[in-house]
Amino acid sequence: MIIDTHTHFYDPTRPEGVPWPRPDDTFLYRTTLPEHYKAVAVPEGVTGTVVVEASAWVEDNRWVLDLAENDPFLVGLVGHLEPPDPNFSTHLARFAAHPLFRGIRVGVQDWGDERYLSACEELAALDLSVDLHIGGKTLHDAAGWAQVFPDLRIVLNHVALVPVTGGAPDPEWVDGIRDIARYPNVFCKVSGMAELTGQKPACADPAYYAPIIDVLWKVFGTDRLVYGSNWPVSWRFAEYASIQRIAVAYFEQKGTEALEKVMAGNSRGAYKWVSR
């Protein structure tokens, strides 16, 4: 079993269009649906995916849930709702009633903003997760959330956005990762690394990525790392098989149990998705 915890689906041909990607992005601006993803992922052994909603339009959460209802390959949705929205609580309660809605991803400007802190309380009470697209110094801020809300599952996206150079990672990132990993309610996605090289195509040698994963393995261990592809964004930098091979090549060296947990088992701990 392989569960990819980070994919995006959208359809620019809808009458209302899409807010992301933009029309001037000639690579991404095309209909991208589960069948397109499965064509490249299923041959690599992927058995399901958690979708992450990139659209800021509230009703696009419903659009993905509709896709998922008709396709059991989609095991869950990380929605997009913003706590500053005065209707946040209403929207969250509405979507949380759907069993495939597993949490939200937020952008944070002020870590002490009462609206975000209240949202954390609501998410924890509903047994939902929060995905964070952050890195650097803000990891210390997120660590504060992890401490204050121990029942809230926090999932760092894309190896917490550290530049991937093939060498030792940024010391500020290492310090932040060590800080936030102290809290057992924090998970980290082994995803986005090809994009973080800035190379087109990205280096295909799994060893190039090992210095980053070494740090993550040391602090998060066997139970709190999860695989994600960030498809189709990653496709701009590498083929799907190459993306998956980066993770598999590293974790298979850690043993069968570690490989199975990172590639599938830990995603259930992070998102509490249910087999369909």
C-alpha atoms as a PDB file:
ATOM      1  CA  MET A   1       0.000   0.000   0.000  1.00  0.00           C
ATOM      2  CA  ILE A   2       1.194   3.517  -0.857  1.00  0.00           C
ATOM      3  CA  ILE A   3      -0.776   6.619   0.126  1.00  0.00           C
ATOM      4  CA  ASP A   4       0.328   9.856  -1.506  1.00  0.00           C
ATOM      5  CA  THR A   5      -0.556  12.621   0.961  1.00  0.00           C
ATOM      6  CA  HIS A   6      -0.221  15.609  -1.352  1.00  0.00           C
ATOM      7  CA  THR A   7      -1.969  15.969  -4.703  1.00  0.00           C
ATOM      8  CA  HIS A   8      -3.991  18.745  -6.354  1.00  0.00           C
ATOM      9  CA  PHE A   9      -6.921  18.457  -8.763  1.00  0.00           C
ATOM     10  CA  TYR A  10      -8.674  21.223 -10.688  1.00  0.00           C
ATOM     11  CA  ASP A  11     -10.421  21.947 -13.979  1.00  0.00           C
ATOM     12  CA  PRO A  12      -9.929  25.307 -15.732  1.00  0.00           C
ATOM     13  CA  THR A  13     -12.704  24.426 -18.211  1.00  0.00           C
ATOM     14  CA  ARG A  14     -15.396  24.778 -15.542  1.00  0.00           C
ATOM     15  CA  PRO A  15     -17.741  27.713 -16.269  1.00  0.00           C
ATOM     16  CA  GLU A  16     -16.367  29.602 -13.264  1.00  0.00           C
ATOM     17  CA  GLY A  17     -12.779  28.662 -14.060  1.00  0.00           C
ATOM     18  CA  VAL A  18     -10.201  28.259 -11.277  1.00  0.00           C
ATOM     19  CA  PRO A  19      -8.289  30.765  -9.121  1.00  0.00           C
ATOM     20  CA  TRP A  20      -5.197  28.558  -9.275  1.00  0.00           C
ATOM     21  CA  PRO A  21      -3.204  27.868 -11.369  1.00  0.00           C
ATOM     22  CA  ARG A  22      -3.149  31.071 -13.350  1.00  0.00           C
ATOM     23  CA  PRO A  23      -3.807  31.029 -17.105  1.00  0.00           C
ATOM     24  CA  ASP A  24      -0.289  32.270 -17.800  1.00  0.00           C
ATOM     25  CA  ASP A  25       1.139  29.096 -16.247  1.00  0.00           C
ATOM     26  CA  THR A  26       1.160  27.112 -19.465  1.00  0.00           C
ATOM     27  CA  PHE A  27       2.424  23.963 -17.736  1.00  0.00           C
ATOM     28  CA  LEU A  28      -0.134  23.630 -14.942  1.00  0.00           C
ATOM     29  CA  TYR A  29      -3.142  25.402 -16.464  1.00  0.00           C
ATOM     30  CA  ARG A  30      -4.904  22.346 -17.861  1.00  0.00           C
ATOM     31  CA  THR A  31      -7.553  19.931 -16.678  1.00  0.00           C
ATOM     32  CA  THR A  32      -5.976  17.829 -13.933  1.00  0.00           C
ATOM     33  CA  LEU A  33      -8.245  15.151 -12.493  1.00  0.00           C
ATOM     34  CA  PRO A  34      -7.859  11.869 -10.595  1.00  0.00           C
ATOM     35  CA  GLU A  35      -7.739   9.821 -13.786  1.00  0.00           C
ATOM     36  CA  HIS A  36      -4.726  11.807 -14.982  1.00  0.00           C
ATOM     37  CA  TYR A  37      -2.970  11.264 -11.672  1.00  0.00           C
ATOM     38  CA  LYS A  38      -3.757   7.564 -11.514  1.00  0.00           C
ATOM     39  CA  ALA A  39      -2.289   7.073 -14.971  1.00  0.00           C
ATOM     40  CA  VAL A  40       1.173   7.914 -13.589  1.00  0.00           C
ATOM     41  CA  ALA A  41       0.771   6.862  -9.940  1.00  0.00           C
ATOM     42  CA  VAL A  42      -0.947   3.481 -10.070  1.00  0.00           C
ATOM     43  CA  PRO A  43       1.870   1.907 -12.137  1.00  0.00           C
ATOM     44  CA  GLU A  44       4.181   2.899  -9.236  1.00  0.00           C
ATOM     45  CA  GLY A  45       2.033   1.062  -6.705  1.00  0.00           C
ATOM     46  CA  VAL A  46       0.055   3.997  -5.291  1.00  0.00           C
ATOM     47  CA  THR A  47      -3.241   2.841  -3.805  1.00  0.00           C
ATOM     48  CA  GLY A  48      -4.768   6.128  -2.671  1.00  0.00           C
ATOM     49  CA  THR A  49      -4.223   9.833  -2.159  1.00  0.00           C
ATOM     50  CA  VAL A  50      -5.032  12.664   0.210  1.00  0.00           C
ATOM     51  CA  VAL A  51      -5.921  15.740  -1.838  1.00  0.00           C
ATOM     52  CA  VAL A  52      -4.803  19.194  -0.689  1.00  0.00           C
ATOM     53  CA  GLU A  53      -7.037  22.024  -1.891  1.00  0.00           C
ATOM     54  CA  ALA A  54      -5.042  24.915  -3.316  1.00  0.00           C
ATOM     55  CA  SER A  55      -8.048  27.005  -4.313  1.00  0.00           C
ATOM     56  CA  ALA A  56      -9.149  29.779  -1.969  1.00  0.00           C
ATOM     57  CA  TRP A  57     -12.745  29.457  -3.154  1.00  0.00           C
ATOM     58  CA  VAL A  58     -14.771  27.883  -0.360  1.00  0.00           C
ATOM     59  CA  GLU A  59     -17.015  25.870  -2.672  1.00  0.00           C
ATOM     60  CA  ASP A  60     -14.006  24.229  -4.303  1.00  0.00           C
ATOM     61  CA  ASN A  61     -13.760  22.152  -1.133  1.00  0.00           C
ATOM     62  CA  ARG A  62     -17.144  20.745  -2.063  1.00  0.00           C
ATOM     63  CA  TRP A  63     -15.973  20.212  -5.653  1.00  0.00           C
ATOM     64  CA  VAL A  64     -13.133  17.948  -4.499  1.00  0.00           C
ATOM     65  CA  LEU A  65     -15.399  16.105  -2.066  1.00  0.00           C
ATOM     66  CA  ASP A  66     -17.741  15.411  -4.985  1.00  0.00           C
ATOM     67  CA  LEU A  67     -14.808  13.947  -6.911  1.00  0.00           C
ATOM     68  CA  ALA A  68     -13.872  11.823  -3.910  1.00  0.00           C
ATOM     69  CA  GLU A  69     -17.386  10.516  -3.375  1.00  0.00           C
ATOM     70  CA  ASN A  70     -17.250   9.039  -6.866  1.00  0.00           C
ATOM     71  CA  ASP A  71     -13.688   7.700  -6.604  1.00  0.00           C
ATOM     72  CA  PRO A  72     -12.556   5.677  -3.561  1.00  0.00           C
ATOM     73  CA  PHE A  73      -8.939   6.223  -4.632  1.00  0.00           C
ATOM     74  CA  LEU A  74      -9.289   9.641  -2.960  1.00  0.00           C
ATOM     75  CA  VAL A  75      -9.143   8.787   0.737  1.00  0.00           C
ATOM     76  CA  GLY A  76      -9.375  12.308   2.109  1.00  0.00           C
ATOM     77  CA  LEU A  77      -9.283  16.055   1.555  1.00  0.00           C
ATOM     78  CA  VAL A  78      -7.209  18.686   3.295  1.00  0.00           C
ATOM     79  CA  GLY A  79      -9.432  21.643   2.609  1.00  0.00           C
ATOM     80  CA  HIS A  80      -8.743  25.338   2.229  1.00  0.00           C
ATOM     81  CA  LEU A  81     -10.487  27.578   4.749  1.00  0.00           C
ATOM     82  CA  GLU A  82      -9.004  30.739   6.221  1.00  0.00           C
ATOM     83  CA  PRO A  83      -9.635  31.570   9.908  1.00  0.00           C
ATOM     84  CA  PRO A  84      -9.917  35.346   9.255  1.00  0.00           C
ATOM     85  CA  ASP A  85     -13.085  34.637   7.244  1.00  0.00           C
ATOM     86  CA  PRO A  86     -15.980  35.677   9.539  1.00  0.00           C
ATOM     87  CA  ASN A  87     -17.825  32.553   8.357  1.00  0.00           C
ATOM     88  CA  PHE A  88     -14.912  30.227   9.127  1.00  0.00           C
ATOM     89  CA  SER A  89     -16.634  28.308  11.930  1.00  0.00           C
ATOM     90  CA  THR A  90     -19.765  27.795   9.858  1.00  0.00           C
ATOM     91  CA  HIS A  91     -17.792  26.539   6.876  1.00  0.00           C
ATOM     92  CA  LEU A  92     -15.661  24.273   9.042  1.00  0.00           C
ATOM     93  CA  ALA A  93     -18.656  22.703  10.749  1.00  0.00           C
ATOM     94  CA  ARG A  94     -20.302  22.127   7.384  1.00  0.00           C
ATOM     95  CA  PHE A  95     -17.331  20.400   5.786  1.00  0.00           C
ATOM     96  CA  ALA A  96     -16.252  18.549   8.922  1.00  0.00           C
ATOM     97  CA  ALA A  97     -19.546  16.665   8.758  1.00  0.00           C
ATOM     98  CA  HIS A  98     -18.225  14.920   5.646  1.00  0.00           C
ATOM     99  CA  PRO A  99     -16.136  11.842   6.518  1.00  0.00           C
ATOM    100  CA  LEU A 100     -13.611  12.551   3.755  1.00  0.00           C
ATOM    101  CA  PHE A 101     -12.822  16.041   5.031  1.00  0.00           C
ATOM    102  CA  ARG A 102      -9.704  15.493   7.134  1.00  0.00           C
ATOM    103  CA  GLY A 103      -8.407  18.970   7.947  1.00  0.00           C
ATOM    104  CA  ILE A 104      -7.363  22.271   6.414  1.00  0.00           C
ATOM    105  CA  ARG A 105      -4.253  23.998   5.169  1.00  0.00           C
ATOM    106  CA  VAL A 106      -3.799  27.593   6.257  1.00  0.00           C
ATOM    107  CA  GLY A 107      -1.518  30.489   5.580  1.00  0.00           C
ATOM    108  CA  VAL A 108      -0.452  32.248   8.769  1.00  0.00           C
ATOM    109  CA  GLN A 109       0.610  35.882   8.987  1.00  0.00           C
ATOM    110  CA  ASP A 110       0.347  36.396  12.749  1.00  0.00           C
ATOM    111  CA  TRP A 111       0.872  33.338  14.941  1.00  0.00           C
ATOM    112  CA  GLY A 112      -0.740  35.079  17.906  1.00  0.00           C
ATOM    113  CA  ASP A 113      -3.868  36.086  15.979  1.00  0.00           C
ATOM    114  CA  GLU A 114      -6.837  35.014  18.093  1.00  0.00           C
ATOM    115  CA  ARG A 115      -8.721  33.939  14.979  1.00  0.00           C
ATOM    116  CA  TYR A 116      -6.047  31.356  14.177  1.00  0.00           C
ATOM    117  CA  LEU A 117      -5.797  30.224  17.776  1.00  0.00           C
ATOM    118  CA  SER A 118      -9.552  29.774  17.905  1.00  0.00           C
ATOM    119  CA  ALA A 119      -9.398  27.813  14.646  1.00  0.00           C
ATOM    120  CA  CYS A 120      -6.802  25.510  16.187  1.00  0.00           C
ATOM    121  CA  GLU A 121      -9.142  24.823  19.083  1.00  0.00           C
ATOM    122  CA  GLU A 122     -12.001  24.059  16.706  1.00  0.00           C
ATOM    123  CA  LEU A 123      -9.888  21.742  14.559  1.00  0.00           C
ATOM    124  CA  ALA A 124      -8.644  19.835  17.588  1.00  0.00           C
ATOM    125  CA  ALA A 125     -12.172  19.482  18.959  1.00  0.00           C
ATOM    126  CA  LEU A 126     -13.304  18.040  15.617  1.00  0.00           C
ATOM    127  CA  ASP A 127     -10.298  15.678  15.482  1.00  0.00           C
ATOM    128  CA  LEU A 128      -9.060  17.339  12.287  1.00  0.00           C
ATOM    129  CA  SER A 129      -5.536  18.281  11.254  1.00  0.00           C
ATOM    130  CA  VAL A 130      -3.864  21.459  10.041  1.00  0.00           C
ATOM    131  CA  ASP A 131      -1.326  21.530   7.218  1.00  0.00           C
ATOM    132  CA  LEU A 132       1.294  24.286   7.354  1.00  0.00           C
ATOM    133  CA  HIS A 133       3.282  25.498   4.353  1.00  0.00           C
ATOM    134  CA  ILE A 134       6.116  27.072   6.339  1.00  0.00           C
ATOM    135  CA  GLY A 135       9.841  26.940   7.008  1.00  0.00           C
ATOM    136  CA  GLY A 136      12.783  28.761   8.559  1.00  0.00           C
ATOM    137  CA  LYS A 137      12.124  30.906  11.618  1.00  0.00           C
ATOM    138  CA  THR A 138       8.379  30.276  11.504  1.00  0.00           C
ATOM    139  CA  LEU A 139       8.980  26.677  12.573  1.00  0.00           C
ATOM    140  CA  HIS A 140       9.557  28.022  16.084  1.00  0.00           C
ATOM    141  CA  ASP A 141       6.181  29.774  15.938  1.00  0.00           C
ATOM    142  CA  ALA A 142       4.501  26.554  14.826  1.00  0.00           C
ATOM    143  CA  ALA A 143       6.232  24.755  17.677  1.00  0.00           C
ATOM    144  CA  GLY A 144       4.394  27.136  19.988  1.00  0.00           C
ATOM    145  CA  TRP A 145       1.103  25.996  18.477  1.00  0.00           C
ATOM    146  CA  ALA A 146       2.120  22.355  18.912  1.00  0.00           C
ATOM    147  CA  GLN A 147       2.765  22.971  22.582  1.00  0.00           C
ATOM    148  CA  VAL A 148      -0.427  24.930  23.257  1.00  0.00           C
ATOM    149  CA  PHE A 149      -2.635  22.525  21.252  1.00  0.00           C
ATOM    150  CA  PRO A 150      -1.310  19.022  21.975  1.00  0.00           C
ATOM    151  CA  ASP A 151      -4.465  17.412  20.555  1.00  0.00           C
ATOM    152  CA  LEU A 152      -4.096  19.175  17.197  1.00  0.00           C
ATOM    153  CA  ARG A 153      -2.251  17.194  14.541  1.00  0.00           C
ATOM    154  CA  ILE A 154       0.082  19.535  12.649  1.00  0.00           C
ATOM    155  CA  VAL A 155       1.472  18.449   9.279  1.00  0.00           C
ATOM    156  CA  LEU A 156       4.438  20.347   7.844  1.00  0.00           C
ATOM    157  CA  ASN A 157       4.323  20.492   4.063  1.00  0.00           C
ATOM    158  CA  HIS A 158       7.247  19.876   1.711  1.00  0.00           C
ATOM    159  CA  VAL A 159      10.074  19.179   4.189  1.00  0.00           C
ATOM    160  CA  ALA A 160       9.332  22.595   5.700  1.00  0.00           C
ATOM    161  CA  LEU A 161      10.588  24.394   2.595  1.00  0.00           C
ATOM    162  CA  VAL A 162      14.330  23.981   3.048  1.00  0.00           C
ATOM    163  CA  PRO A 163      16.429  24.614  -0.088  1.00  0.00           C
ATOM    164  CA  VAL A 164      17.703  21.297  -1.446  1.00  0.00           C
ATOM    165  CA  THR A 165      21.290  21.571  -2.628  1.00  0.00           C
ATOM    166  CA  GLY A 166      22.679  18.067  -2.253  1.00  0.00           C
ATOM    167  CA  GLY A 167      24.715  19.231   0.732  1.00  0.00           C
ATOM    168  CA  ALA A 168      24.130  20.102   4.364  1.00  0.00           C
ATOM    169  CA  PRO A 169      20.792  21.876   4.928  1.00  0.00           C
ATOM    170  CA  ASP A 170      20.338  25.428   6.151  1.00  0.00           C
ATOM    171  CA  PRO A 171      21.255  25.607   9.890  1.00  0.00           C
ATOM    172  CA  GLU A 172      18.244  27.807  10.677  1.00  0.00           C
ATOM    173  CA  TRP A 173      15.954  25.151   9.219  1.00  0.00           C
ATOM    174  CA  VAL A 174      17.724  22.410  11.177  1.00  0.00           C
ATOM    175  CA  ASP A 175      17.260  24.378  14.393  1.00  0.00           C
ATOM    176  CA  GLY A 176      13.572  24.933  13.671  1.00  0.00           C
ATOM    177  CA  ILE A 177      12.963  21.310  12.728  1.00  0.00           C
ATOM    178  CA  ARG A 178      14.606  20.106  15.926  1.00  0.00           C
ATOM    179  CA  ASP A 179      12.423  22.476  17.927  1.00  0.00           C
ATOM    180  CA  ILE A 180       9.073  21.546  16.428  1.00  0.00           C
ATOM    181  CA  ALA A 181       9.802  17.806  16.228  1.00  0.00           C
ATOM    182  CA  ARG A 182       9.923  17.721  20.035  1.00  0.00           C
ATOM    183  CA  TYR A 183       6.135  17.657  19.991  1.00  0.00           C
ATOM    184  CA  PRO A 184       4.561  14.271  19.177  1.00  0.00           C
ATOM    185  CA  ASN A 185       1.546  15.832  17.456  1.00  0.00           C
ATOM    186  CA  VAL A 186       3.709  17.154  14.584  1.00  0.00           C
ATOM    187  CA  PHE A 187       4.220  15.263  11.311  1.00  0.00           C
ATOM    188  CA  CYS A 188       6.327  16.205   8.288  1.00  0.00           C
ATOM    189  CA  LYS A 189       5.764  15.427   4.622  1.00  0.00           C
ATOM    190  CA  VAL A 190       8.651  14.035   2.626  1.00  0.00           C
ATOM    191  CA  SER A 191       7.454  15.935  -0.403  1.00  0.00           C
ATOM    192  CA  GLY A 192       8.323  18.890  -2.600  1.00  0.00           C
ATOM    193  CA  MET A 193      12.031  18.134  -2.659  1.00  0.00           C
ATOM    194  CA  ALA A 194      12.444  18.122  -6.426  1.00  0.00           C
ATOM    195  CA  GLU A 195      10.814  21.548  -6.572  1.00  0.00           C
ATOM    196  CA  LEU A 196      13.042  22.820  -3.775  1.00  0.00           C
ATOM    197  CA  THR A 197      16.145  22.099  -5.855  1.00  0.00           C
ATOM    198  CA  GLY A 198      15.056  24.764  -8.339  1.00  0.00           C
ATOM    199  CA  GLN A 199      16.391  22.503 -11.093  1.00  0.00           C
ATOM    200  CA  LYS A 200      14.464  21.570 -14.237  1.00  0.00           C
ATOM    201  CA  PRO A 201      14.836  18.646 -14.361  1.00  0.00           C
ATOM    202  CA  ALA A 202      15.705  18.008 -10.735  1.00  0.00           C
ATOM    203  CA  CYS A 203      18.555  15.685  -9.840  1.00  0.00           C
ATOM    204  CA  ALA A 204      17.378  12.073 -10.148  1.00  0.00           C
ATOM    205  CA  ASP A 205      19.926  10.605  -7.725  1.00  0.00           C
ATOM    206  CA  PRO A 206      18.200   9.803  -4.399  1.00  0.00           C
ATOM    207  CA  ALA A 207      21.507  10.393  -2.588  1.00  0.00           C
ATOM    208  CA  TYR A 208      21.244  14.078  -3.483  1.00  0.00           C
ATOM    209  CA  TYR A 209      18.272  14.379  -1.110  1.00  0.00           C
ATOM    210  CA  ALA A 210      19.676  12.286   1.723  1.00  0.00           C
ATOM    211  CA  PRO A 211      21.186  15.175   3.764  1.00  0.00           C
ATOM    212  CA  ILE A 212      17.694  16.643   4.170  1.00  0.00           C
ATOM    213  CA  ILE A 213      15.959  13.362   4.965  1.00  0.00           C
ATOM    214  CA  ASP A 214      18.735  12.406   7.384  1.00  0.00           C
ATOM    215  CA  VAL A 215      17.784  15.372   9.580  1.00  0.00           C
ATOM    216  CA  LEU A 216      14.078  14.561   9.371  1.00  0.00           C
ATOM    217  CA  TRP A 217      14.647  10.888  10.152  1.00  0.00           C
ATOM    218  CA  LYS A 218      16.752  11.724  13.184  1.00  0.00           C
ATOM    219  CA  VAL A 219      14.123  13.976  14.784  1.00  0.00           C
ATOM    220  CA  PHE A 220      10.800  12.562  13.561  1.00  0.00           C
ATOM    221  CA  GLY A 221      11.750   8.897  13.448  1.00  0.00           C
ATOM    222  CA  THR A 222       9.659   6.020  12.156  1.00  0.00           C
ATOM    223  CA  ASP A 223       6.185   7.250  13.034  1.00  0.00           C
ATOM    224  CA  ARG A 224       5.856  10.890  11.953  1.00  0.00           C
ATOM    225  CA  LEU A 225       7.127  11.157   8.381  1.00  0.00           C
ATOM    226  CA  VAL A 226       4.679  10.791   5.480  1.00  0.00           C
ATOM    227  CA  TYR A 227       5.196  10.519   1.752  1.00  0.00           C
ATOM    228  CA  GLY A 228       3.720  13.062  -0.643  1.00  0.00           C
ATOM    229  CA  SER A 229       4.355  13.874  -4.297  1.00  0.00           C
ATOM    230  CA  ASN A 230       2.932  17.389  -4.693  1.00  0.00           C
ATOM    231  CA  TRP A 231       1.662  16.274  -8.097  1.00  0.00           C
ATOM    232  CA  PRO A 232       1.144  17.901 -10.563  1.00  0.00           C
ATOM    233  CA  VAL A 233       3.372  20.767  -9.333  1.00  0.00           C
ATOM    234  CA  SER A 234       6.254  18.308  -9.003  1.00  0.00           C
ATOM    235  CA  TRP A 235       5.764  17.191 -12.594  1.00  0.00           C
ATOM    236  CA  ARG A 236       7.400  20.401 -13.758  1.00  0.00           C
ATOM    237  CA  PHE A 237      10.628  19.184 -12.156  1.00  0.00           C
ATOM    238  CA  ALA A 238      10.555  15.384 -12.391  1.00  0.00           C
ATOM    239  CA  GLU A 239       8.477  12.427 -13.529  1.00  0.00           C
ATOM    240  CA  TYR A 240       6.240  10.838 -10.910  1.00  0.00           C
ATOM    241  CA  ALA A 241       8.329   7.671 -10.716  1.00  0.00           C
ATOM    242  CA  SER A 242      11.439   9.718  -9.919  1.00  0.00           C
ATOM    243  CA  ILE A 243       9.648  11.622  -7.156  1.00  0.00           C
ATOM    244  CA  GLN A 244       8.495   8.444  -5.481  1.00  0.00           C
ATOM    245  CA  ARG A 245      11.878   6.786  -5.873  1.00  0.00           C
ATOM    246  CA  ILE A 246      13.540   9.505  -3.772  1.00  0.00           C
ATOM    247  CA  ALA A 247      11.466   8.459  -0.755  1.00  0.00           C
ATOM    248  CA  VAL A 248      11.516   4.718  -1.402  1.00  0.00           C
ATOM    249  CA  ALA A 249      15.292   4.597  -1.946  1.00  0.00           C
ATOM    250  CA  TYR A 250      15.910   6.283   1.393  1.00  0.00           C
ATOM    251  CA  PHE A 251      13.411   4.508   3.619  1.00  0.00           C
ATOM    252  CA  GLU A 252      13.879   1.010   2.269  1.00  0.00           C
ATOM    253  CA  GLN A 253      17.348   1.227   3.785  1.00  0.00           C
ATOM    254  CA  LYS A 254      15.690   1.747   7.180  1.00  0.00           C
ATOM    255  CA  GLY A 255      13.812  -1.542   6.957  1.00  0.00           C
ATOM    256  CA  THR A 256      10.462  -2.837   5.787  1.00  0.00           C
ATOM    257  CA  GLU A 257       8.534  -1.426   8.740  1.00  0.00           C
ATOM    258  CA  ALA A 258       9.872   2.098   8.263  1.00  0.00           C
ATOM    259  CA  LEU A 259       9.210   1.991   4.523  1.00  0.00           C
ATOM    260  CA  GLU A 260       5.627   0.835   4.986  1.00  0.00           C
ATOM    261  CA  LYS A 261       4.952   3.441   7.657  1.00  0.00           C
ATOM    262  CA  VAL A 262       6.297   6.411   5.697  1.00  0.00           C
ATOM    263  CA  MET A 263       4.690   5.357   2.426  1.00  0.00           C
ATOM    264  CA  ALA A 264       1.271   4.601   3.930  1.00  0.00           C
ATOM    265  CA  GLY A 265       0.814   3.833   7.620  1.00  0.00           C
ATOM    266  CA  ASN A 266       1.808   7.180   9.079  1.00  0.00           C
ATOM    267  CA  SER A 267      -0.631   9.001   6.812  1.00  0.00           C
ATOM    268  CA  ARG A 268      -3.453   7.377   8.732  1.00  0.00           C
ATOM    269  CA  GLY A 269      -1.983   8.718  11.957  1.00  0.00           C
ATOM    270  CA  ALA A 270      -1.705  12.208  10.496  1.00  0.00           C
ATOM    271  CA  TYR A 271      -5.110  12.390   8.832  1.00  0.00           C
ATOM    272  CA  LYS A 272      -7.155   9.528  10.318  1.00  0.00           C
ATOM    273  CA  TRP A 273      -8.473   8.654   6.902  1.00  0.00           C
ATOM    274  CA  VAL A 274     -10.664   5.570   6.622  1.00  0.00           C
ATOM    275  CA  SER A 275     -10.264   2.801   4.045  1.00  0.00           C
ATOM    276  CA  ARG A 276     -13.105   2.930   1.528  1.00  0.00           C
END
